[in-house]
Amino acid sequence: MNSFRRQVATRIEDKDRIRGIADAVFEILTELNRADIQTRTGEFAALTRAVDDAKKRLVKLKEDIDQIMHRVKVATDLTNAVDKALAQSAKFFAA
């Protein structure tokens, strides 16, 4: 945009006019965005509730996965202990 502005506007007055118009357009777009956001307040509130609900469900899922991982670790530790006991008893009975 700046290079275009430099090519089109060679005089300071023209550059200032173009900058003023660009600023006015920016202000209009900002106000339109603000108005759009304000009209969607209910939608944002509903979306916030949906995101909060999903977050709670994800936390619960993580807790469930952590519990499953703990149970698998306990089962693995138990299996390893039984395996060691069987290996030791095999040595005892082989002797």
C-alpha atoms as a PDB file:
ATOM      1  CA  MET A   1       0.000   0.000   0.000  1.00  0.00           C
ATOM      2  CA  ASN A   2       2.811   2.420   0.830  1.00  0.00           C
ATOM      3  CA  SER A   3       4.588   1.919  -2.511  1.00  0.00           C
ATOM      4  CA  PHE A   4       1.287   2.433  -4.332  1.00  0.00           C
ATOM      5  CA  ARG A   5       0.668   5.574  -2.305  1.00  0.00           C
ATOM      6  CA  ARG A   6       4.146   6.881  -3.168  1.00  0.00           C
ATOM      7  CA  GLN A   7       3.584   6.263  -6.873  1.00  0.00           C
ATOM      8  CA  VAL A   8       0.145   7.879  -6.951  1.00  0.00           C
ATOM      9  CA  ALA A   9       0.744  10.756  -4.587  1.00  0.00           C
ATOM     10  CA  THR A  10       3.842  12.760  -5.231  1.00  0.00           C
ATOM     11  CA  ARG A  11       2.788  15.870  -3.364  1.00  0.00           C
ATOM     12  CA  ILE A  12       2.603  16.069   0.441  1.00  0.00           C
ATOM     13  CA  GLU A  13      -1.006  17.270   0.285  1.00  0.00           C
ATOM     14  CA  ASP A  14      -2.026  14.226  -1.750  1.00  0.00           C
ATOM     15  CA  LYS A  15      -0.203  11.891   0.609  1.00  0.00           C
ATOM     16  CA  ASP A  16      -1.920  13.490   3.590  1.00  0.00           C
ATOM     17  CA  ARG A  17      -5.335  13.173   1.924  1.00  0.00           C
ATOM     18  CA  ILE A  18      -4.740   9.491   1.159  1.00  0.00           C
ATOM     19  CA  ARG A  19      -3.543   8.879   4.716  1.00  0.00           C
ATOM     20  CA  GLY A  20      -6.610  10.673   6.080  1.00  0.00           C
ATOM     21  CA  ILE A  21      -8.924   8.532   3.954  1.00  0.00           C
ATOM     22  CA  ALA A  22      -7.100   5.354   5.033  1.00  0.00           C
ATOM     23  CA  ASP A  23      -7.468   6.384   8.680  1.00  0.00           C
ATOM     24  CA  ALA A  24     -11.190   7.084   8.191  1.00  0.00           C
ATOM     25  CA  VAL A  25     -11.720   3.679   6.559  1.00  0.00           C
ATOM     26  CA  PHE A  26      -9.840   2.022   9.420  1.00  0.00           C
ATOM     27  CA  GLU A  27     -12.066   3.781  11.971  1.00  0.00           C
ATOM     28  CA  ILE A  28     -15.219   2.720  10.111  1.00  0.00           C
ATOM     29  CA  LEU A  29     -14.072  -0.906   9.976  1.00  0.00           C
ATOM     30  CA  THR A  30     -13.120  -0.820  13.650  1.00  0.00           C
ATOM     31  CA  GLU A  31     -16.563   0.492  14.593  1.00  0.00           C
ATOM     32  CA  LEU A  32     -18.288  -2.118  12.406  1.00  0.00           C
ATOM     33  CA  ASN A  33     -16.247  -4.872  14.057  1.00  0.00           C
ATOM     34  CA  ARG A  34     -17.070  -3.507  17.504  1.00  0.00           C
ATOM     35  CA  ALA A  35     -20.794  -3.382  16.660  1.00  0.00           C
ATOM     36  CA  ASP A  36     -20.663  -6.914  15.239  1.00  0.00           C
ATOM     37  CA  ILE A  37     -18.988  -8.238  18.375  1.00  0.00           C
ATOM     38  CA  GLN A  38     -21.534  -6.503  20.603  1.00  0.00           C
ATOM     39  CA  THR A  39     -24.448  -8.028  18.692  1.00  0.00           C
ATOM     40  CA  ARG A  40     -22.918 -11.478  19.147  1.00  0.00           C
ATOM     41  CA  THR A  41     -22.504 -11.271  22.921  1.00  0.00           C
ATOM     42  CA  GLY A  42     -25.074 -14.045  23.471  1.00  0.00           C
ATOM     43  CA  GLU A  43     -23.347 -16.266  20.939  1.00  0.00           C
ATOM     44  CA  PHE A  44     -19.984 -15.660  22.602  1.00  0.00           C
ATOM     45  CA  ALA A  45     -21.476 -16.504  26.002  1.00  0.00           C
ATOM     46  CA  ALA A  46     -22.903 -19.758  24.626  1.00  0.00           C
ATOM     47  CA  LEU A  47     -19.584 -20.551  22.990  1.00  0.00           C
ATOM     48  CA  THR A  48     -17.774 -19.848  26.261  1.00  0.00           C
ATOM     49  CA  ARG A  49     -20.073 -22.276  28.072  1.00  0.00           C
ATOM     50  CA  ALA A  50     -19.495 -24.917  25.388  1.00  0.00           C
ATOM     51  CA  VAL A  51     -15.705 -24.475  25.614  1.00  0.00           C
ATOM     52  CA  ASP A  52     -15.848 -24.659  29.433  1.00  0.00           C
ATOM     53  CA  ASP A  53     -17.900 -27.858  29.220  1.00  0.00           C
ATOM     54  CA  ALA A  54     -15.468 -29.390  26.742  1.00  0.00           C
ATOM     55  CA  LYS A  55     -12.562 -28.404  28.984  1.00  0.00           C
ATOM     56  CA  LYS A  56     -14.194 -30.109  31.993  1.00  0.00           C
ATOM     57  CA  ARG A  57     -14.759 -33.263  29.946  1.00  0.00           C
ATOM     58  CA  LEU A  58     -11.135 -33.215  28.765  1.00  0.00           C
ATOM     59  CA  VAL A  59      -9.895 -32.855  32.349  1.00  0.00           C
ATOM     60  CA  LYS A  60     -12.063 -35.842  33.346  1.00  0.00           C
ATOM     61  CA  LEU A  61     -10.730 -37.832  30.380  1.00  0.00           C
ATOM     62  CA  LYS A  62      -7.154 -37.017  31.411  1.00  0.00           C
ATOM     63  CA  GLU A  63      -7.897 -38.180  34.955  1.00  0.00           C
ATOM     64  CA  ASP A  64      -9.380 -41.422  33.598  1.00  0.00           C
ATOM     65  CA  ILE A  65      -6.357 -41.988  31.355  1.00  0.00           C
ATOM     66  CA  ASP A  66      -4.007 -41.292  34.267  1.00  0.00           C
ATOM     67  CA  GLN A  67      -5.894 -43.846  36.364  1.00  0.00           C
ATOM     68  CA  ILE A  68      -5.705 -46.433  33.558  1.00  0.00           C
ATOM     69  CA  MET A  69      -1.959 -45.786  33.198  1.00  0.00           C
ATOM     70  CA  HIS A  70      -1.520 -46.261  36.954  1.00  0.00           C
ATOM     71  CA  ARG A  71      -3.399 -49.558  36.822  1.00  0.00           C
ATOM     72  CA  VAL A  72      -1.304 -50.746  33.880  1.00  0.00           C
ATOM     73  CA  LYS A  73       1.888 -49.828  35.764  1.00  0.00           C
ATOM     74  CA  VAL A  74       0.707 -51.729  38.852  1.00  0.00           C
ATOM     75  CA  ALA A  75      -0.164 -54.744  36.692  1.00  0.00           C
ATOM     76  CA  THR A  76       3.217 -54.535  34.949  1.00  0.00           C
ATOM     77  CA  ASP A  77       5.054 -54.298  38.267  1.00  0.00           C
ATOM     78  CA  LEU A  78       3.072 -57.266  39.595  1.00  0.00           C
ATOM     79  CA  THR A  79       3.790 -59.300  36.468  1.00  0.00           C
ATOM     80  CA  ASN A  80       7.496 -58.473  36.719  1.00  0.00           C
ATOM     81  CA  ALA A  81       7.529 -59.510  40.398  1.00  0.00           C
ATOM     82  CA  VAL A  82       5.790 -62.813  39.580  1.00  0.00           C
ATOM     83  CA  ASP A  83       8.227 -63.363  36.722  1.00  0.00           C
ATOM     84  CA  LYS A  84      11.193 -62.807  39.049  1.00  0.00           C
ATOM     85  CA  ALA A  85       9.694 -65.136  41.659  1.00  0.00           C
ATOM     86  CA  LEU A  86       9.182 -67.851  39.043  1.00  0.00           C
ATOM     87  CA  ALA A  87      12.740 -67.391  37.775  1.00  0.00           C
ATOM     88  CA  GLN A  88      14.103 -67.677  41.334  1.00  0.00           C
ATOM     89  CA  SER A  89      11.977 -70.723  42.091  1.00  0.00           C
ATOM     90  CA  ALA A  90      13.106 -72.350  38.850  1.00  0.00           C
ATOM     91  CA  LYS A  91      16.718 -71.900  40.004  1.00  0.00           C
ATOM     92  CA  PHE A  92      15.853 -73.357  43.414  1.00  0.00           C
ATOM     93  CA  PHE A  93      14.133 -76.427  42.007  1.00  0.00           C
ATOM     94  CA  ALA A  94      16.764 -76.928  39.299  1.00  0.00           C
ATOM     95  CA  ALA A  95      19.539 -77.174  41.840  1.00  0.00           C
END
